[in-house]
Amino acid sequence: MNQPVQKNTLYVGGLAEEVDEKILHAAFVPFGEVKDVKTPLDQATQKHRSFGFVTFLEREDAAAAMDNMDGAELFGRVLTVNYAFPEKIKGGEQGWAAQPVWADADTWFERQQQEEEMKRLQTEQNAAMKEAERLHREKVAAEKNGETDEADPMAVAEAQAVN
C-alpha cells in the first residue's frame, strides 16, 4: 500500500462486544500516555464494529503497545494490533475521512491555473527552442555552402596581405 502509516495510531481488531472505549483505554495505557481512543459504531446497531483505534502521544509507546498487545487476549478474544492507515473516503484531494469532499475545491482551482500557466510557458519555450534550432541549422547550412554572414578574420587578413 502506498498510504502513509500513522506511527502513533494503532488499529486494534478483534474486539469483543463488551469492550468499550474506556476498557480499550485501560488496556493500552500501561504502554504510555494515550491521546485518543475511538471505536467506530455500526450505524444500524449502534454497537462498535469489533475494531478500534488507539492514538499515543509518543511513537515509541505505540510501538511498545503493538509489540505487546498483538496476539494478546482481551475479554476472550485475540487482538490484532497494527499501525493504522488513514481512512479513505471517495473524493477529496487527500482522501482523509475527516476531510469533506469539497475541502480541496479552492486549491484545486489554483492548481488548475498553475498547470495551465506551466503548459503555456512550456509551449512558448518549445517554440523558442524550435526557432533557435531552425536558425542554427540555417547558419550551419550557410557555412557549409560558403555563405557566411560573418567574415573569417584569417581570410580577411590573408586578403589584405596579398593586396
N, C-alpha and C. Protein backbone atom coordinates (compact mmCIF):
# COMPACT_ATOMS: atom_id res chain seq x y z
N MET A 1 0.83 -1.19 0.00
CA MET A 1 0.00 0.00 0.00
C MET A 1 0.87 1.24 0.00
N ASN A 2 0.42 2.26 -0.67
CA ASN A 2 1.19 3.49 -0.76
C ASN A 2 0.73 4.52 0.25
N GLN A 3 -0.21 4.15 1.11
CA GLN A 3 -0.69 5.09 2.10
C GLN A 3 0.34 5.28 3.19
N PRO A 4 0.44 6.49 3.71
CA PRO A 4 1.38 6.70 4.81
C PRO A 4 0.87 6.04 6.08
N VAL A 5 1.77 5.48 6.87
CA VAL A 5 1.41 4.83 8.12
C VAL A 5 1.43 5.87 9.22
N GLN A 6 0.41 5.84 10.08
CA GLN A 6 0.38 6.74 11.23
C GLN A 6 1.06 6.00 12.37
N LYS A 7 2.29 6.36 12.65
CA LYS A 7 3.12 5.58 13.57
C LYS A 7 2.75 5.76 15.03
N ASN A 8 1.87 6.68 15.37
CA ASN A 8 1.46 6.78 16.76
C ASN A 8 0.00 6.38 16.94
N THR A 9 -0.66 5.93 15.87
CA THR A 9 -2.03 5.45 15.95
C THR A 9 -2.05 3.97 15.60
N LEU A 10 -2.71 3.19 16.46
CA LEU A 10 -2.78 1.75 16.26
C LEU A 10 -4.19 1.33 15.91
N TYR A 11 -4.29 0.37 15.01
CA TYR A 11 -5.54 -0.30 14.70
C TYR A 11 -5.61 -1.50 15.64
N VAL A 12 -6.74 -1.66 16.32
CA VAL A 12 -6.94 -2.78 17.22
C VAL A 12 -8.17 -3.54 16.74
N GLY A 13 -7.94 -4.72 16.20
CA GLY A 13 -9.03 -5.53 15.69
C GLY A 13 -9.33 -6.71 16.57
N GLY A 14 -10.55 -7.29 16.41
CA GLY A 14 -10.95 -8.47 17.17
C GLY A 14 -11.54 -8.15 18.53
N LEU A 15 -12.11 -6.95 18.68
CA LEU A 15 -12.67 -6.56 19.97
C LEU A 15 -13.99 -7.30 20.24
N ALA A 16 -14.16 -7.72 21.49
CA ALA A 16 -15.42 -8.34 21.91
C ALA A 16 -16.48 -7.24 22.06
N GLU A 17 -17.74 -7.63 22.04
CA GLU A 17 -18.84 -6.66 22.16
C GLU A 17 -18.77 -5.88 23.46
N GLU A 18 -18.28 -6.51 24.52
CA GLU A 18 -18.25 -5.87 25.85
C GLU A 18 -17.21 -4.75 25.93
N VAL A 19 -16.26 -4.75 25.04
CA VAL A 19 -15.18 -3.77 25.09
C VAL A 19 -15.68 -2.42 24.59
N ASP A 20 -15.51 -1.40 25.43
CA ASP A 20 -15.84 -0.04 25.02
C ASP A 20 -14.56 0.80 25.04
N GLU A 21 -14.69 2.08 24.79
CA GLU A 21 -13.50 2.94 24.71
C GLU A 21 -12.76 3.03 26.05
N LYS A 22 -13.49 2.97 27.17
CA LYS A 22 -12.84 3.03 28.49
C LYS A 22 -11.99 1.78 28.72
N ILE A 23 -12.54 0.62 28.37
CA ILE A 23 -11.80 -0.63 28.56
C ILE A 23 -10.58 -0.66 27.64
N LEU A 24 -10.77 -0.22 26.39
CA LEU A 24 -9.67 -0.20 25.44
C LEU A 24 -8.57 0.75 25.92
N HIS A 25 -8.96 1.89 26.45
CA HIS A 25 -8.00 2.84 27.01
C HIS A 25 -7.23 2.20 28.16
N ALA A 26 -7.95 1.53 29.05
CA ALA A 26 -7.31 0.91 30.22
C ALA A 26 -6.34 -0.20 29.79
N ALA A 27 -6.66 -0.90 28.71
CA ALA A 27 -5.79 -1.98 28.24
C ALA A 27 -4.49 -1.45 27.65
N PHE A 28 -4.50 -0.23 27.08
CA PHE A 28 -3.33 0.29 26.39
C PHE A 28 -2.55 1.34 27.17
N VAL A 29 -3.13 1.89 28.22
CA VAL A 29 -2.45 2.95 28.97
C VAL A 29 -1.16 2.48 29.66
N PRO A 30 -0.98 1.20 30.00
CA PRO A 30 0.30 0.80 30.60
C PRO A 30 1.52 1.03 29.70
N PHE A 31 1.30 1.21 28.39
CA PHE A 31 2.43 1.37 27.47
C PHE A 31 2.82 2.82 27.25
N GLY A 32 2.01 3.76 27.73
CA GLY A 32 2.32 5.17 27.58
C GLY A 32 1.06 6.00 27.58
N GLU A 33 1.25 7.32 27.49
CA GLU A 33 0.11 8.23 27.55
C GLU A 33 -0.72 8.11 26.28
N VAL A 34 -2.01 7.80 26.46
CA VAL A 34 -2.93 7.62 25.34
C VAL A 34 -3.59 8.97 25.06
N LYS A 35 -3.50 9.39 23.81
CA LYS A 35 -4.08 10.67 23.40
C LYS A 35 -5.56 10.53 23.07
N ASP A 36 -5.92 9.40 22.40
CA ASP A 36 -7.30 9.26 21.94
C ASP A 36 -7.63 7.78 21.73
N VAL A 37 -8.88 7.42 21.95
CA VAL A 37 -9.38 6.08 21.68
C VAL A 37 -10.70 6.22 20.94
N LYS A 38 -10.82 5.52 19.83
CA LYS A 38 -12.06 5.56 19.03
C LYS A 38 -12.49 4.14 18.69
N THR A 39 -13.78 3.88 18.81
CA THR A 39 -14.36 2.62 18.35
C THR A 39 -15.52 3.00 17.44
N PRO A 40 -15.32 2.98 16.11
CA PRO A 40 -16.37 3.37 15.19
C PRO A 40 -17.62 2.51 15.37
N LEU A 41 -18.77 3.17 15.30
CA LEU A 41 -20.04 2.48 15.52
C LEU A 41 -20.67 2.06 14.20
N ASP A 42 -21.35 0.92 14.25
CA ASP A 42 -22.18 0.48 13.13
C ASP A 42 -23.45 1.32 13.19
N GLN A 43 -23.81 1.97 12.11
CA GLN A 43 -24.96 2.86 12.10
C GLN A 43 -26.28 2.13 12.39
N ALA A 44 -26.37 0.90 11.95
CA ALA A 44 -27.61 0.15 12.12
C ALA A 44 -27.80 -0.33 13.56
N THR A 45 -26.74 -0.86 14.17
CA THR A 45 -26.87 -1.46 15.51
C THR A 45 -26.41 -0.54 16.63
N GLN A 46 -25.71 0.54 16.30
CA GLN A 46 -25.13 1.48 17.27
C GLN A 46 -24.15 0.78 18.22
N LYS A 47 -23.57 -0.34 17.77
CA LYS A 47 -22.51 -1.02 18.51
C LYS A 47 -21.23 -0.88 17.71
N HIS A 48 -20.10 -1.00 18.41
CA HIS A 48 -18.84 -0.88 17.67
C HIS A 48 -18.68 -2.05 16.71
N ARG A 49 -17.84 -1.85 15.71
CA ARG A 49 -17.70 -2.81 14.62
C ARG A 49 -16.55 -3.78 14.86
N SER A 50 -16.25 -4.10 16.10
CA SER A 50 -15.23 -5.04 16.56
C SER A 50 -13.80 -4.59 16.27
N PHE A 51 -13.62 -3.31 16.05
CA PHE A 51 -12.26 -2.76 15.96
C PHE A 51 -12.26 -1.35 16.51
N GLY A 52 -11.06 -0.85 16.77
CA GLY A 52 -10.92 0.50 17.29
C GLY A 52 -9.54 1.05 16.96
N PHE A 53 -9.33 2.29 17.36
CA PHE A 53 -8.06 2.97 17.12
C PHE A 53 -7.58 3.58 18.43
N VAL A 54 -6.31 3.38 18.72
CA VAL A 54 -5.71 3.95 19.93
C VAL A 54 -4.55 4.82 19.46
N THR A 55 -4.60 6.09 19.85
CA THR A 55 -3.55 7.04 19.46
C THR A 55 -2.72 7.41 20.69
N PHE A 56 -1.43 7.21 20.59
CA PHE A 56 -0.49 7.55 21.66
C PHE A 56 0.15 8.89 21.37
N LEU A 57 0.64 9.56 22.41
CA LEU A 57 1.37 10.81 22.21
C LEU A 57 2.74 10.54 21.61
N GLU A 58 3.37 9.42 21.98
CA GLU A 58 4.71 9.10 21.52
C GLU A 58 4.70 7.87 20.62
N ARG A 59 5.48 7.91 19.56
CA ARG A 59 5.59 6.78 18.64
C ARG A 59 6.15 5.54 19.32
N GLU A 60 7.12 5.76 20.22
CA GLU A 60 7.74 4.64 20.90
C GLU A 60 6.73 3.89 21.75
N ASP A 61 5.82 4.62 22.39
CA ASP A 61 4.78 3.99 23.20
C ASP A 61 3.85 3.15 22.31
N ALA A 62 3.52 3.69 21.14
CA ALA A 62 2.67 2.94 20.21
C ALA A 62 3.37 1.67 19.76
N ALA A 63 4.67 1.76 19.49
CA ALA A 63 5.42 0.58 19.06
C ALA A 63 5.46 -0.47 20.16
N ALA A 64 5.66 -0.04 21.41
CA ALA A 64 5.69 -0.98 22.53
C ALA A 64 4.33 -1.64 22.71
N ALA A 65 3.26 -0.86 22.59
CA ALA A 65 1.91 -1.41 22.73
C ALA A 65 1.63 -2.42 21.62
N MET A 66 2.04 -2.11 20.41
CA MET A 66 1.81 -3.02 19.29
C MET A 66 2.57 -4.33 19.52
N ASP A 67 3.82 -4.22 19.92
CA ASP A 67 4.63 -5.41 20.15
C ASP A 67 4.04 -6.31 21.23
N ASN A 68 3.49 -5.70 22.27
CA ASN A 68 2.98 -6.47 23.41
C ASN A 68 1.52 -6.90 23.27
N MET A 69 0.71 -6.13 22.56
CA MET A 69 -0.73 -6.42 22.52
C MET A 69 -1.16 -7.20 21.28
N ASP A 70 -0.34 -7.24 20.24
CA ASP A 70 -0.71 -8.01 19.06
C ASP A 70 -0.70 -9.50 19.43
N GLY A 71 -1.85 -10.15 19.29
CA GLY A 71 -1.98 -11.55 19.65
C GLY A 71 -2.40 -11.76 21.10
N ALA A 72 -2.51 -10.67 21.87
CA ALA A 72 -2.95 -10.78 23.26
C ALA A 72 -4.46 -11.03 23.30
N GLU A 73 -4.94 -11.46 24.47
CA GLU A 73 -6.35 -11.76 24.63
C GLU A 73 -7.01 -10.69 25.49
N LEU A 74 -8.20 -10.24 25.07
CA LEU A 74 -8.97 -9.27 25.82
C LEU A 74 -10.44 -9.69 25.76
N PHE A 75 -11.02 -9.98 26.92
CA PHE A 75 -12.40 -10.46 27.02
C PHE A 75 -12.62 -11.70 26.16
N GLY A 76 -11.66 -12.60 26.18
CA GLY A 76 -11.79 -13.88 25.48
C GLY A 76 -11.56 -13.82 23.98
N ARG A 77 -11.15 -12.66 23.45
CA ARG A 77 -10.89 -12.54 22.01
C ARG A 77 -9.43 -12.18 21.79
N VAL A 78 -8.83 -12.75 20.75
CA VAL A 78 -7.43 -12.47 20.42
C VAL A 78 -7.39 -11.17 19.61
N LEU A 79 -6.56 -10.25 20.01
CA LEU A 79 -6.46 -8.93 19.36
C LEU A 79 -5.46 -8.96 18.21
N THR A 80 -5.76 -8.19 17.21
CA THR A 80 -4.83 -7.90 16.12
C THR A 80 -4.48 -6.42 16.25
N VAL A 81 -3.21 -6.13 16.43
CA VAL A 81 -2.78 -4.74 16.62
C VAL A 81 -1.72 -4.41 15.58
N ASN A 82 -2.00 -3.39 14.78
CA ASN A 82 -1.08 -2.92 13.73
C ASN A 82 -1.09 -1.40 13.72
N TYR A 83 -0.12 -0.83 13.00
CA TYR A 83 -0.16 0.60 12.76
C TYR A 83 -1.37 0.90 11.89
N ALA A 84 -2.04 2.01 12.17
CA ALA A 84 -3.24 2.38 11.43
C ALA A 84 -2.88 3.14 10.16
N PHE A 85 -3.66 2.92 9.12
CA PHE A 85 -3.58 3.70 7.89
C PHE A 85 -4.67 4.74 7.93
N PRO A 86 -4.46 5.91 7.31
CA PRO A 86 -5.52 6.91 7.29
C PRO A 86 -6.74 6.34 6.56
N GLU A 87 -7.90 6.60 7.11
CA GLU A 87 -9.13 6.13 6.48
C GLU A 87 -9.40 6.97 5.24
N LYS A 88 -9.77 6.31 4.16
CA LYS A 88 -10.01 7.00 2.90
C LYS A 88 -11.51 7.09 2.63
N ILE A 89 -11.92 8.19 2.01
CA ILE A 89 -13.27 8.31 1.51
C ILE A 89 -13.18 8.64 0.04
N LYS A 90 -14.26 8.45 -0.67
CA LYS A 90 -14.25 8.80 -2.09
C LYS A 90 -14.20 10.31 -2.21
N GLY A 91 -13.35 10.78 -3.12
CA GLY A 91 -13.26 12.21 -3.36
C GLY A 91 -12.29 12.87 -2.40
N GLY A 92 -12.14 14.15 -2.57
CA GLY A 92 -11.22 14.89 -1.73
C GLY A 92 -9.80 14.73 -2.24
N GLU A 93 -9.02 15.77 -2.10
CA GLU A 93 -7.64 15.74 -2.60
C GLU A 93 -6.80 14.69 -1.91
N GLN A 94 -6.90 14.63 -0.59
CA GLN A 94 -6.08 13.70 0.16
C GLN A 94 -6.85 12.46 0.56
N GLY A 95 -8.18 12.52 0.52
CA GLY A 95 -8.99 11.37 0.81
C GLY A 95 -9.13 11.04 2.29
N TRP A 96 -8.75 11.97 3.17
CA TRP A 96 -8.90 11.68 4.60
C TRP A 96 -10.37 11.64 4.96
N ALA A 97 -10.73 10.77 5.88
CA ALA A 97 -12.12 10.61 6.28
C ALA A 97 -12.65 11.86 6.97
N ALA A 98 -11.80 12.59 7.65
CA ALA A 98 -12.24 13.77 8.38
C ALA A 98 -12.36 14.99 7.46
N GLN A 99 -11.99 14.86 6.22
CA GLN A 99 -11.99 15.98 5.29
C GLN A 99 -13.19 15.87 4.36
N PRO A 100 -14.02 16.92 4.30
CA PRO A 100 -15.13 16.87 3.35
C PRO A 100 -14.62 16.89 1.92
N VAL A 101 -15.42 16.34 1.03
CA VAL A 101 -15.02 16.21 -0.37
C VAL A 101 -14.70 17.58 -0.98
N TRP A 102 -15.43 18.60 -0.60
CA TRP A 102 -15.27 19.92 -1.19
C TRP A 102 -14.14 20.73 -0.53
N ALA A 103 -13.46 20.19 0.46
CA ALA A 103 -12.44 20.93 1.19
C ALA A 103 -11.28 21.37 0.31
N ASP A 104 -11.01 20.65 -0.76
CA ASP A 104 -9.87 21.00 -1.61
C ASP A 104 -10.28 21.79 -2.85
N ALA A 105 -11.51 22.28 -2.90
CA ALA A 105 -12.01 22.99 -4.08
C ALA A 105 -11.15 24.21 -4.42
N ASP A 106 -10.81 25.03 -3.42
CA ASP A 106 -10.02 26.24 -3.68
C ASP A 106 -8.63 25.88 -4.20
N THR A 107 -7.99 24.92 -3.58
CA THR A 107 -6.65 24.55 -4.01
C THR A 107 -6.69 23.87 -5.37
N TRP A 108 -7.79 23.18 -5.67
CA TRP A 108 -7.92 22.54 -6.98
C TRP A 108 -7.91 23.58 -8.08
N PHE A 109 -8.68 24.67 -7.91
CA PHE A 109 -8.70 25.72 -8.93
C PHE A 109 -7.34 26.38 -9.07
N GLU A 110 -6.67 26.61 -7.96
CA GLU A 110 -5.33 27.19 -8.02
C GLU A 110 -4.37 26.27 -8.77
N ARG A 111 -4.44 24.98 -8.48
CA ARG A 111 -3.58 24.02 -9.18
C ARG A 111 -3.89 23.98 -10.67
N GLN A 112 -5.17 24.05 -11.02
CA GLN A 112 -5.55 24.05 -12.43
C GLN A 112 -4.95 25.27 -13.14
N GLN A 113 -5.04 26.44 -12.51
CA GLN A 113 -4.47 27.65 -13.11
C GLN A 113 -2.96 27.53 -13.24
N GLN A 114 -2.30 26.99 -12.23
CA GLN A 114 -0.85 26.81 -12.29
C GLN A 114 -0.48 25.83 -13.40
N GLU A 115 -1.24 24.76 -13.54
CA GLU A 115 -0.96 23.78 -14.59
C GLU A 115 -1.14 24.40 -15.97
N GLU A 116 -2.19 25.22 -16.15
CA GLU A 116 -2.40 25.89 -17.44
C GLU A 116 -1.26 26.85 -17.73
N GLU A 117 -0.81 27.60 -16.73
CA GLU A 117 0.30 28.54 -16.91
C GLU A 117 1.58 27.78 -17.27
N MET A 118 1.82 26.65 -16.60
CA MET A 118 3.00 25.84 -16.92
C MET A 118 2.93 25.31 -18.35
N LYS A 119 1.77 24.87 -18.79
CA LYS A 119 1.63 24.39 -20.16
C LYS A 119 1.89 25.51 -21.16
N ARG A 120 1.37 26.71 -20.85
CA ARG A 120 1.59 27.85 -21.74
C ARG A 120 3.07 28.19 -21.83
N LEU A 121 3.75 28.21 -20.67
CA LEU A 121 5.18 28.51 -20.66
C LEU A 121 5.99 27.44 -21.39
N GLN A 122 5.61 26.18 -21.22
CA GLN A 122 6.30 25.10 -21.92
C GLN A 122 6.11 25.21 -23.42
N THR A 123 4.89 25.58 -23.85
CA THR A 123 4.62 25.75 -25.28
C THR A 123 5.49 26.88 -25.84
N GLU A 124 5.56 28.00 -25.11
CA GLU A 124 6.40 29.12 -25.54
C GLU A 124 7.87 28.70 -25.60
N GLN A 125 8.32 27.98 -24.60
CA GLN A 125 9.72 27.56 -24.56
C GLN A 125 10.01 26.59 -25.70
N ASN A 126 9.11 25.66 -25.97
CA ASN A 126 9.30 24.72 -27.07
C ASN A 126 9.37 25.45 -28.41
N ALA A 127 8.50 26.47 -28.60
CA ALA A 127 8.51 27.25 -29.83
C ALA A 127 9.84 28.00 -29.97
N ALA A 128 10.32 28.58 -28.88
CA ALA A 128 11.59 29.30 -28.91
C ALA A 128 12.75 28.35 -29.22
N MET A 129 12.72 27.15 -28.64
CA MET A 129 13.77 26.16 -28.91
C MET A 129 13.74 25.72 -30.37
N LYS A 130 12.57 25.51 -30.93
CA LYS A 130 12.45 25.10 -32.33
C LYS A 130 12.98 26.20 -33.25
N GLU A 131 12.66 27.45 -32.92
CA GLU A 131 13.15 28.58 -33.72
C GLU A 131 14.67 28.67 -33.63
N ALA A 132 15.23 28.49 -32.43
CA ALA A 132 16.68 28.54 -32.26
C ALA A 132 17.35 27.40 -33.03
N GLU A 133 16.74 26.22 -33.00
CA GLU A 133 17.29 25.09 -33.75
C GLU A 133 17.23 25.35 -35.26
N ARG A 134 16.13 25.94 -35.73
CA ARG A 134 15.99 26.26 -37.15
C ARG A 134 17.06 27.26 -37.59
N LEU A 135 17.25 28.32 -36.79
CA LEU A 135 18.27 29.32 -37.12
C LEU A 135 19.66 28.70 -37.11
N HIS A 136 19.92 27.82 -36.16
CA HIS A 136 21.23 27.16 -36.09
C HIS A 136 21.45 26.29 -37.33
N ARG A 137 20.42 25.52 -37.73
CA ARG A 137 20.55 24.68 -38.92
C ARG A 137 20.80 25.53 -40.16
N GLU A 138 20.12 26.66 -40.28
CA GLU A 138 20.33 27.55 -41.42
C GLU A 138 21.76 28.09 -41.42
N LYS A 139 22.27 28.46 -40.25
CA LYS A 139 23.62 29.00 -40.16
C LYS A 139 24.65 27.93 -40.54
N VAL A 140 24.45 26.70 -40.03
CA VAL A 140 25.36 25.62 -40.36
C VAL A 140 25.32 25.32 -41.85
N ALA A 141 24.12 25.31 -42.44
CA ALA A 141 23.98 25.05 -43.88
C ALA A 141 24.65 26.16 -44.68
N ALA A 142 24.48 27.39 -44.25
CA ALA A 142 25.08 28.52 -44.96
C ALA A 142 26.61 28.45 -44.87
N GLU A 143 27.12 28.05 -43.72
CA GLU A 143 28.57 27.93 -43.57
C GLU A 143 29.12 26.83 -44.47
N LYS A 144 28.37 25.75 -44.62
CA LYS A 144 28.81 24.67 -45.49
C LYS A 144 28.83 25.12 -46.94
N ASN A 145 27.92 25.98 -47.31
CA ASN A 145 27.83 26.47 -48.69
C ASN A 145 28.74 27.67 -48.92
N GLY A 146 29.42 28.12 -47.89
CA GLY A 146 30.33 29.25 -48.03
C GLY A 146 29.62 30.58 -48.00
N GLU A 147 28.39 30.61 -47.53
CA GLU A 147 27.62 31.86 -47.48
C GLU A 147 27.60 32.40 -46.06
N THR A 148 28.72 32.66 -45.51
CA THR A 148 28.75 33.15 -44.13
C THR A 148 28.50 34.63 -44.11
N ASP A 149 27.70 35.05 -43.15
CA ASP A 149 27.44 36.49 -42.97
C ASP A 149 28.66 37.15 -42.35
N GLU A 150 29.30 36.43 -41.48
CA GLU A 150 30.45 36.99 -40.80
C GLU A 150 31.71 36.62 -41.59
N ALA A 151 32.58 37.61 -41.75
CA ALA A 151 33.82 37.36 -42.48
C ALA A 151 34.79 36.64 -41.57
N ASP A 152 35.49 35.67 -42.17
CA ASP A 152 36.51 34.92 -41.42
C ASP A 152 37.70 35.84 -41.23
N PRO A 153 38.10 36.11 -39.98
CA PRO A 153 39.20 37.05 -39.74
C PRO A 153 40.50 36.62 -40.41
N MET A 154 40.77 35.34 -40.49
CA MET A 154 42.01 34.86 -41.14
C MET A 154 41.93 35.12 -42.65
N ALA A 155 40.76 34.90 -43.25
CA ALA A 155 40.61 35.12 -44.68
C ALA A 155 40.77 36.61 -44.99
N VAL A 156 40.22 37.47 -44.13
CA VAL A 156 40.34 38.91 -44.33
C VAL A 156 41.81 39.33 -44.23
N ALA A 157 42.52 38.78 -43.25
CA ALA A 157 43.93 39.13 -43.06
C ALA A 157 44.76 38.67 -44.23
N GLU A 158 44.47 37.44 -44.78
CA GLU A 158 45.19 36.95 -45.93
C GLU A 158 44.93 37.80 -47.17
N ALA A 159 43.67 38.19 -47.33
CA ALA A 159 43.32 39.02 -48.50
C ALA A 159 44.03 40.36 -48.43
N GLN A 160 44.12 40.93 -47.25
CA GLN A 160 44.80 42.22 -47.12
C GLN A 160 46.31 42.06 -47.34
N ALA A 161 46.89 40.98 -46.93
CA ALA A 161 48.31 40.74 -47.07
C ALA A 161 48.67 40.56 -48.56
N VAL A 162 47.81 39.89 -49.34
CA VAL A 162 48.05 39.65 -50.73
C VAL A 162 47.92 40.94 -51.55
N ASN A 163 47.03 41.79 -51.15
CA ASN A 163 46.81 43.04 -51.88
C ASN A 163 47.87 43.99 -51.55
